[in-house]
Amino acid sequence: MKRIQIEKGFRLTLPEEFRGELKVGDELFIIVDRAGRIILLSETRIRETLQRTAGIWQARTDVPKDGVAYVNRLRRGRR
């Protein structure tokens, strides 16, 4: 656990060891969980992760571009 101080204007400096792949100017989402912990999420990392997972469906010819049509087709098979 690292201790940091909130500066004037509610600014804080993220210690070097927690910066990882962050760059100056990156946008972060901030969440406070039920335990009161502050969680910072990199918007860039979230988008990259979503893009990687969405990419697995791109080359599929059996899945229509319209997701609603695909779900309706799946549901028809159960009835």
Protein backbone atom coordinates (compact mmCIF):
# COMPACT_ATOMS: atom_id res chain seq x y z
CA MET A 1 0.00 0.00 0.00
CA LYS A 2 1.30 3.40 -0.96
CA ARG A 3 0.38 6.67 0.75
CA ILE A 4 -0.17 9.79 -1.37
CA GLN A 5 -1.54 13.19 -0.52
CA ILE A 6 -4.33 15.05 -2.27
CA GLU A 7 -2.93 18.38 -3.41
CA LYS A 8 -4.57 21.76 -3.88
CA GLY A 9 -7.38 21.55 -6.44
CA PHE A 10 -7.88 17.86 -5.54
CA ARG A 11 -4.91 16.83 -7.68
CA LEU A 12 -2.79 13.83 -6.91
CA THR A 13 0.38 12.33 -8.35
CA LEU A 14 0.22 8.68 -9.30
CA PRO A 15 3.38 6.97 -8.02
CA GLU A 16 5.75 5.72 -10.73
CA GLU A 17 5.17 2.05 -9.91
CA PHE A 18 1.42 2.37 -10.66
CA ARG A 19 1.71 4.22 -13.96
CA GLY A 20 2.30 1.14 -16.12
CA GLU A 21 1.27 1.89 -19.69
CA LEU A 22 -0.51 5.16 -18.85
CA LYS A 23 0.50 8.29 -20.73
CA VAL A 24 -0.03 11.96 -19.97
CA GLY A 25 -3.39 12.92 -21.48
CA ASP A 26 -4.96 9.45 -21.16
CA GLU A 27 -8.54 9.49 -19.93
CA LEU A 28 -9.46 7.35 -16.95
CA PHE A 29 -12.75 6.22 -15.49
CA ILE A 30 -12.95 6.52 -11.73
CA ILE A 31 -15.13 4.25 -9.58
CA VAL A 32 -15.58 4.09 -5.84
CA ASP A 33 -16.59 0.59 -4.74
CA ARG A 34 -18.68 -0.33 -1.70
CA ALA A 35 -15.58 -0.60 0.49
CA GLY A 36 -14.64 2.99 -0.41
CA ARG A 37 -11.71 2.00 -2.63
CA ILE A 38 -11.01 4.29 -5.56
CA ILE A 39 -10.50 2.36 -8.80
CA LEU A 40 -9.01 3.97 -11.92
CA LEU A 41 -9.67 2.32 -15.29
CA SER A 42 -7.90 3.33 -18.49
CA GLU A 43 -10.43 4.05 -21.24
CA THR A 44 -7.83 3.03 -23.84
CA ARG A 45 -7.27 -0.37 -22.19
CA ILE A 46 -11.01 -0.98 -21.90
CA ARG A 47 -11.54 -0.16 -25.58
CA GLU A 48 -8.62 -2.38 -26.65
CA THR A 49 -9.99 -5.30 -24.65
CA LEU A 50 -13.49 -4.85 -26.08
CA GLN A 51 -12.08 -4.60 -29.61
CA ARG A 52 -10.14 -7.87 -29.20
CA THR A 53 -13.22 -9.72 -28.00
CA ALA A 54 -15.50 -8.18 -30.63
CA GLY A 55 -13.05 -9.19 -33.35
CA ILE A 56 -13.78 -12.89 -32.89
CA TRP A 57 -17.16 -12.42 -34.60
CA GLN A 58 -15.98 -10.35 -37.57
CA ALA A 59 -15.16 -13.17 -40.00
CA ARG A 60 -18.23 -15.29 -39.21
CA THR A 61 -20.47 -15.75 -42.25
CA ASP A 62 -23.19 -17.56 -40.28
CA VAL A 63 -23.78 -14.60 -37.96
CA PRO A 64 -25.79 -11.74 -39.52
CA LYS A 65 -24.64 -8.16 -39.03
CA ASP A 66 -27.92 -7.41 -37.25
CA GLY A 67 -27.63 -8.82 -33.73
CA VAL A 68 -31.39 -8.68 -33.16
CA ALA A 69 -32.04 -10.86 -36.22
CA TYR A 70 -29.45 -13.36 -34.98
CA VAL A 71 -30.98 -13.58 -31.50
CA ASN A 72 -34.48 -13.96 -32.98
CA ARG A 73 -33.20 -16.81 -35.18
CA LEU A 74 -31.68 -18.53 -32.14
CA ARG A 75 -34.92 -18.19 -30.18
CA ARG A 76 -37.01 -19.63 -33.02
CA GLY A 77 -34.99 -22.83 -32.76
CA ARG A 78 -36.04 -23.39 -29.15
CA ARG A 79 -39.79 -23.12 -29.70
